[in-house]
């Protein structure tokens, strides 16, 4: 009901473009996402205020979902020649589970019946926005006597995600394009607000 389903599936609803970001696979998935949101989001909230921070979360969550959905649609087209294949849920899923032949390949059925949950896209947006506002901030690691500038850490993280997003890995169930979408929209929102705030000061 709240997880992000494939846009062509019968159980897809428009509200899922946001509500998926409030759902998580398990307690550790929730913990690590919330830990990063609190650790870096606090500084953003101090600059923007609570209302802007809520808007940021919502826009970045939807942006991450849109890029992820666009990539899933591209994958479906590559596999079937269609973006919105007609599937009888009960027949197709039942036959797929029993290993019988269906009208679509198993990889396409995985896309059609698959779903996404988690605030990881928003996490990426927060990391990128943090670096945009505080590029020279240093991040220290627990129990390690080293620190690194935030911009280098986030650039490396985004580069790794970009690499993984374009590497075909059939056992990888991580939504890398949602992460990249969150980072992109996080950058765009932060840049727009910095620009508009500067304009207001100059008037």
Protein backbone atom coordinates (compact mmCIF):
# COMPACT_ATOMS: atom_id res chain seq x y z
CA UNK A 1 0.00 0.00 0.00
CA UNK A 2 2.82 2.46 0.82
CA UNK A 3 5.87 0.90 -0.84
CA UNK A 4 6.78 2.13 -4.33
CA UNK A 5 5.45 -0.35 -6.88
CA UNK A 6 6.27 -0.44 -10.58
CA UNK A 7 4.38 2.41 -12.24
CA UNK A 8 2.64 0.05 -14.67
CA UNK A 9 1.52 -2.41 -11.99
CA UNK A 10 -2.08 -2.60 -10.82
CA UNK A 11 -1.14 -1.80 -7.22
CA UNK A 12 0.77 1.41 -8.07
CA UNK A 13 -0.74 4.54 -6.50
CA UNK A 14 0.48 8.12 -6.90
CA UNK A 15 1.03 8.63 -3.16
CA UNK A 16 3.66 5.87 -3.23
CA UNK A 17 6.11 8.32 -4.83
CA UNK A 18 6.46 9.77 -1.33
CA UNK A 19 5.24 7.19 1.18
CA UNK A 20 7.90 4.63 0.22
CA UNK A 21 10.44 6.88 1.95
CA UNK A 22 8.67 6.35 5.29
CA UNK A 23 8.82 2.54 4.99
CA UNK A 24 11.91 0.40 5.71
CA UNK A 25 12.91 -3.22 5.25
CA UNK A 26 14.03 -3.83 8.83
CA UNK A 27 15.12 -2.03 11.99
CA UNK A 28 18.74 -1.64 10.82
CA UNK A 29 17.65 -0.13 7.52
CA UNK A 30 15.61 2.40 9.48
CA UNK A 31 18.34 3.03 12.06
CA UNK A 32 21.17 3.81 9.63
CA UNK A 33 19.01 6.08 7.47
CA UNK A 34 17.71 8.00 10.48
CA UNK A 35 21.20 8.20 11.98
CA UNK A 36 22.57 9.95 8.88
CA UNK A 37 19.49 12.16 8.52
CA UNK A 38 19.87 13.35 12.13
CA UNK A 39 23.66 13.72 11.94
CA UNK A 40 23.71 15.86 8.78
CA UNK A 41 20.12 17.10 8.65
CA UNK A 42 20.44 18.98 11.95
CA UNK A 43 22.89 21.45 10.37
CA UNK A 44 20.62 21.93 7.36
CA UNK A 45 17.63 22.52 9.63
CA UNK A 46 19.54 25.16 11.58
CA UNK A 47 20.12 27.04 8.31
CA UNK A 48 16.72 26.47 6.66
CA UNK A 49 14.31 25.98 9.54
CA UNK A 50 11.88 23.13 10.13
CA UNK A 51 9.35 24.01 7.41
CA UNK A 52 11.98 24.16 4.69
CA UNK A 53 13.51 20.93 5.94
CA UNK A 54 10.15 19.16 5.62
CA UNK A 55 9.74 20.55 2.09
CA UNK A 56 13.27 19.41 1.26
CA UNK A 57 12.53 15.88 2.48
CA UNK A 58 9.34 15.67 0.42
CA UNK A 59 10.82 17.08 -2.81
CA UNK A 60 13.94 14.92 -2.63
CA UNK A 61 11.93 11.78 -1.80
CA UNK A 62 9.70 12.32 -4.86
CA UNK A 63 12.69 13.21 -7.03
CA UNK A 64 14.51 10.02 -6.03
CA UNK A 65 11.37 8.00 -6.77
CA UNK A 66 10.98 9.60 -10.21
CA UNK A 67 14.53 8.80 -11.30
CA UNK A 68 14.22 5.26 -9.96
CA UNK A 69 10.87 4.81 -11.72
CA UNK A 70 12.26 6.17 -14.97
CA UNK A 71 15.11 3.67 -14.84
CA UNK A 72 12.71 0.81 -14.09
CA UNK A 73 10.59 1.83 -17.10
CA UNK A 74 13.71 1.86 -19.26
CA UNK A 75 14.65 -1.60 -17.99
CA UNK A 76 11.17 -2.94 -18.71
CA UNK A 77 11.29 -1.57 -22.25
CA UNK A 78 14.70 -3.17 -22.81
CA UNK A 79 13.38 -6.53 -21.62
CA UNK A 80 9.93 -6.59 -23.24
CA UNK A 81 9.72 -3.80 -25.83
CA UNK A 82 6.92 -2.31 -23.71
CA UNK A 83 6.83 0.10 -20.78
CA UNK A 84 3.38 -1.01 -19.60
CA UNK A 85 3.01 -4.74 -20.26
CA UNK A 86 -0.39 -6.29 -19.64
CA UNK A 87 -0.03 -8.89 -16.88
CA UNK A 88 -2.58 -10.99 -15.10
CA UNK A 89 -1.17 -10.84 -11.57
CA UNK A 90 -2.51 -14.18 -10.33
CA UNK A 91 -1.67 -16.15 -13.46
CA UNK A 92 1.75 -14.66 -14.09
CA UNK A 93 2.98 -14.67 -10.50
CA UNK A 94 1.68 -18.18 -9.88
CA UNK A 95 3.33 -19.61 -12.98
CA UNK A 96 6.54 -17.69 -12.33
CA UNK A 97 6.74 -19.12 -8.79
CA UNK A 98 6.19 -22.65 -10.15
CA UNK A 99 8.86 -22.24 -12.80
CA UNK A 100 6.42 -22.51 -15.71
CA UNK A 101 6.68 -20.44 -18.87
CA UNK A 102 4.93 -17.07 -18.93
CA UNK A 103 4.48 -14.35 -21.52
CA UNK A 104 7.27 -12.29 -19.94
CA UNK A 105 10.81 -13.22 -18.85
CA UNK A 106 11.46 -13.65 -15.10
CA UNK A 107 13.57 -10.48 -15.01
CA UNK A 108 10.63 -8.44 -16.33
CA UNK A 109 8.30 -10.04 -13.81
CA UNK A 110 10.77 -9.11 -11.06
CA UNK A 111 10.49 -5.48 -12.13
CA UNK A 112 6.71 -5.61 -12.42
CA UNK A 113 6.08 -7.24 -9.05
CA UNK A 114 9.02 -5.59 -7.29
CA UNK A 115 8.87 -2.62 -4.93
CA UNK A 116 11.11 -0.09 -3.20
CA UNK A 117 11.17 1.18 0.39
CA UNK A 118 13.51 3.36 2.41
CA UNK A 119 14.71 6.93 2.87
CA UNK A 120 18.15 6.29 1.33
CA UNK A 121 17.42 8.65 -1.57
CA UNK A 122 16.64 11.41 0.92
CA UNK A 123 19.83 10.53 2.79
CA UNK A 124 21.82 11.12 -0.39
CA UNK A 125 20.02 14.41 -0.92
CA UNK A 126 20.88 15.53 2.59
CA UNK A 127 24.54 14.54 2.17
CA UNK A 128 24.86 16.44 -1.12
CA UNK A 129 23.04 19.50 0.28
CA UNK A 130 25.27 19.43 3.36
CA UNK A 131 28.38 19.42 1.20
CA UNK A 132 26.99 22.22 -0.96
CA UNK A 133 26.44 24.41 2.12
CA UNK A 134 29.46 23.25 4.18
CA UNK A 135 32.09 22.00 1.68
CA UNK A 136 35.03 22.43 4.04
CA UNK A 137 33.43 20.73 7.08
CA UNK A 138 35.47 17.86 8.42
CA UNK A 139 33.99 14.48 9.34
CA UNK A 140 35.61 12.32 12.00
CA UNK A 141 35.09 8.57 12.22
CA UNK A 142 34.23 6.81 15.45
CA UNK A 143 37.26 5.04 16.98
CA UNK A 144 39.51 6.17 14.11
CA UNK A 145 42.05 8.99 14.62
CA UNK A 146 41.39 10.51 11.18
CA UNK A 147 39.06 13.06 9.65
CA UNK A 148 38.21 13.97 6.08
CA UNK A 149 36.56 16.93 4.42
CA UNK A 150 32.87 16.26 3.80
CA UNK A 151 33.09 17.10 0.09
CA UNK A 152 35.67 14.38 -0.63
CA UNK A 153 33.74 11.75 1.29
CA UNK A 154 30.44 12.55 -0.44
CA UNK A 155 32.04 12.83 -3.90
CA UNK A 156 33.56 9.39 -3.41
CA UNK A 157 30.24 7.99 -2.17
CA UNK A 158 28.33 9.40 -5.16
CA UNK A 159 30.99 8.11 -7.57
CA UNK A 160 30.67 4.60 -6.11
CA UNK A 161 26.88 4.74 -6.40
CA UNK A 162 27.13 5.95 -10.01
CA UNK A 163 29.47 3.05 -10.81
CA UNK A 164 27.22 0.50 -9.15
CA UNK A 165 24.12 1.94 -10.86
CA UNK A 166 25.53 1.19 -14.30
CA UNK A 167 27.00 -2.22 -13.49
CA UNK A 168 24.59 -5.05 -14.26
CA UNK A 169 24.37 -7.13 -11.09
CA UNK A 170 21.37 -9.47 -10.99
CA UNK A 171 21.69 -10.13 -7.24
CA UNK A 172 21.92 -6.45 -6.29
CA UNK A 173 18.59 -5.33 -4.81
CA UNK A 174 19.75 -1.79 -3.94
CA UNK A 175 18.00 1.08 -5.74
CA UNK A 176 21.13 2.94 -6.86
CA UNK A 177 19.22 5.26 -9.19
CA UNK A 178 17.01 6.34 -6.28
CA UNK A 179 20.19 7.28 -4.43
CA UNK A 180 21.49 9.24 -7.41
CA UNK A 181 18.10 10.88 -7.90
CA UNK A 182 18.05 11.95 -4.27
CA UNK A 183 21.54 13.41 -4.60
CA UNK A 184 20.59 15.28 -7.78
CA UNK A 185 17.41 16.78 -6.33
CA UNK A 186 19.16 17.56 -3.05
CA UNK A 187 21.74 19.57 -4.98
CA UNK A 188 19.12 21.35 -7.09
CA UNK A 189 16.96 22.33 -4.10
CA UNK A 190 19.93 23.52 -2.04
CA UNK A 191 21.32 25.52 -4.96
CA UNK A 192 17.92 27.12 -5.68
CA UNK A 193 17.40 28.16 -2.07
CA UNK A 194 20.91 29.62 -1.81
CA UNK A 195 20.26 31.59 -5.03
CA UNK A 196 16.82 32.88 -3.97
CA UNK A 197 18.04 33.79 -0.46
CA UNK A 198 20.95 35.75 -1.95
CA UNK A 199 18.56 37.55 -4.30
CA UNK A 200 16.38 38.60 -1.36
CA UNK A 201 19.38 39.98 0.54
CA UNK A 202 20.51 42.01 -2.47
CA UNK A 203 17.09 43.64 -2.96
